[in-house]
């Protein structure tokens, strides 16, 4: 069984922090270059707490953030 998030497909997208809603908008190539110990600038959440969302989700409207620890 394989654990962890699926590998990035390379399609354009943003990365949303599940804890505070911060959005990393520089794209998959820049995201892949970040170190594994990258932390969310506003809240300090680790890189694995980010979720890939379509670029410009909901036409720039606020993306709903589900606050959870798992």
C-alpha atoms as a PDB file:
ATOM      1  CA  UNK A   1       0.000   0.000   0.000  1.00  0.00           C
ATOM      2  CA  UNK A   2       1.278   3.478  -0.836  1.00  0.00           C
ATOM      3  CA  UNK A   3       0.882   6.302   1.656  1.00  0.00           C
ATOM      4  CA  UNK A   4       1.110  10.042   1.253  1.00  0.00           C
ATOM      5  CA  UNK A   5      -0.288  12.486  -1.253  1.00  0.00           C
ATOM      6  CA  UNK A   6      -0.424  11.580  -4.924  1.00  0.00           C
ATOM      7  CA  UNK A   7       2.508  12.754  -7.025  1.00  0.00           C
ATOM      8  CA  UNK A   8       2.044  16.124  -8.648  1.00  0.00           C
ATOM      9  CA  UNK A   9       0.782  15.824 -12.215  1.00  0.00           C
ATOM     10  CA  UNK A  10       2.569  19.046 -13.230  1.00  0.00           C
ATOM     11  CA  UNK A  11      -0.655  20.790 -14.238  1.00  0.00           C
ATOM     12  CA  UNK A  12      -1.033  24.440 -13.256  1.00  0.00           C
ATOM     13  CA  UNK A  13      -2.364  24.857  -9.765  1.00  0.00           C
ATOM     14  CA  UNK A  14      -1.961  26.492  -6.420  1.00  0.00           C
ATOM     15  CA  UNK A  15      -1.190  24.946  -3.046  1.00  0.00           C
ATOM     16  CA  UNK A  16      -3.594  25.683  -0.194  1.00  0.00           C
ATOM     17  CA  UNK A  17      -2.623  25.403   3.474  1.00  0.00           C
ATOM     18  CA  UNK A  18      -5.338  23.304   5.113  1.00  0.00           C
ATOM     19  CA  UNK A  19      -4.732  24.991   8.460  1.00  0.00           C
ATOM     20  CA  UNK A  20      -4.882  28.733   7.708  1.00  0.00           C
ATOM     21  CA  UNK A  21      -5.908  29.122   4.051  1.00  0.00           C
ATOM     22  CA  UNK A  22      -2.605  30.588   2.794  1.00  0.00           C
ATOM     23  CA  UNK A  23      -2.214  29.968  -0.949  1.00  0.00           C
ATOM     24  CA  UNK A  24       1.190  29.302  -2.556  1.00  0.00           C
ATOM     25  CA  UNK A  25       0.702  30.573  -6.130  1.00  0.00           C
ATOM     26  CA  UNK A  26       4.081  30.088  -7.819  1.00  0.00           C
ATOM     27  CA  UNK A  27       3.126  26.774  -9.440  1.00  0.00           C
ATOM     28  CA  UNK A  28       4.196  23.112  -9.362  1.00  0.00           C
ATOM     29  CA  UNK A  29       7.779  23.678 -10.488  1.00  0.00           C
ATOM     30  CA  UNK A  30       8.472  26.173  -7.693  1.00  0.00           C
ATOM     31  CA  UNK A  31       6.617  23.941  -5.203  1.00  0.00           C
ATOM     32  CA  UNK A  32       8.774  20.936  -6.124  1.00  0.00           C
ATOM     33  CA  UNK A  33      11.937  22.978  -5.522  1.00  0.00           C
ATOM     34  CA  UNK A  34      10.932  23.842  -1.949  1.00  0.00           C
ATOM     35  CA  UNK A  35      12.691  21.798   0.743  1.00  0.00           C
ATOM     36  CA  UNK A  36      10.751  19.127   2.631  1.00  0.00           C
ATOM     37  CA  UNK A  37      11.051  21.222   5.789  1.00  0.00           C
ATOM     38  CA  UNK A  38       9.198  24.188   4.176  1.00  0.00           C
ATOM     39  CA  UNK A  39       6.746  25.834   6.575  1.00  0.00           C
ATOM     40  CA  UNK A  40       3.644  27.891   5.809  1.00  0.00           C
ATOM     41  CA  UNK A  41       4.654  31.563   6.225  1.00  0.00           C
ATOM     42  CA  UNK A  42       1.609  32.679   8.276  1.00  0.00           C
ATOM     43  CA  UNK A  43       1.004  29.643  10.507  1.00  0.00           C
ATOM     44  CA  UNK A  44       4.109  27.416  10.313  1.00  0.00           C
ATOM     45  CA  UNK A  45       2.283  24.304   9.072  1.00  0.00           C
ATOM     46  CA  UNK A  46       4.559  21.721   7.414  1.00  0.00           C
ATOM     47  CA  UNK A  47       4.592  21.186   3.643  1.00  0.00           C
ATOM     48  CA  UNK A  48       2.467  18.023   3.836  1.00  0.00           C
ATOM     49  CA  UNK A  49      -0.453  20.091   5.195  1.00  0.00           C
ATOM     50  CA  UNK A  50      -0.883  21.792   1.791  1.00  0.00           C
ATOM     51  CA  UNK A  51      -3.386  20.586  -0.781  1.00  0.00           C
ATOM     52  CA  UNK A  52      -3.160  21.223  -4.516  1.00  0.00           C
ATOM     53  CA  UNK A  53      -6.132  23.157  -5.879  1.00  0.00           C
ATOM     54  CA  UNK A  54      -6.887  24.267  -9.455  1.00  0.00           C
ATOM     55  CA  UNK A  55      -5.227  27.525 -10.492  1.00  0.00           C
ATOM     56  CA  UNK A  56      -7.518  30.430  -9.626  1.00  0.00           C
ATOM     57  CA  UNK A  57      -9.946  28.216  -7.725  1.00  0.00           C
ATOM     58  CA  UNK A  58     -13.551  29.326  -7.893  1.00  0.00           C
ATOM     59  CA  UNK A  59     -12.644  32.259 -10.164  1.00  0.00           C
ATOM     60  CA  UNK A  60     -10.554  33.938  -7.481  1.00  0.00           C
ATOM     61  CA  UNK A  61     -13.187  33.605  -4.777  1.00  0.00           C
ATOM     62  CA  UNK A  62     -12.200  32.489  -1.314  1.00  0.00           C
ATOM     63  CA  UNK A  63     -11.407  28.785  -1.207  1.00  0.00           C
ATOM     64  CA  UNK A  64     -13.224  26.960   1.588  1.00  0.00           C
ATOM     65  CA  UNK A  65     -10.735  25.651   4.110  1.00  0.00           C
ATOM     66  CA  UNK A  66     -11.536  22.594   6.150  1.00  0.00           C
ATOM     67  CA  UNK A  67      -9.747  22.923   9.472  1.00  0.00           C
ATOM     68  CA  UNK A  68      -8.617  19.523  10.648  1.00  0.00           C
ATOM     69  CA  UNK A  69      -5.513  17.838  11.908  1.00  0.00           C
ATOM     70  CA  UNK A  70      -5.800  14.718   9.738  1.00  0.00           C
END
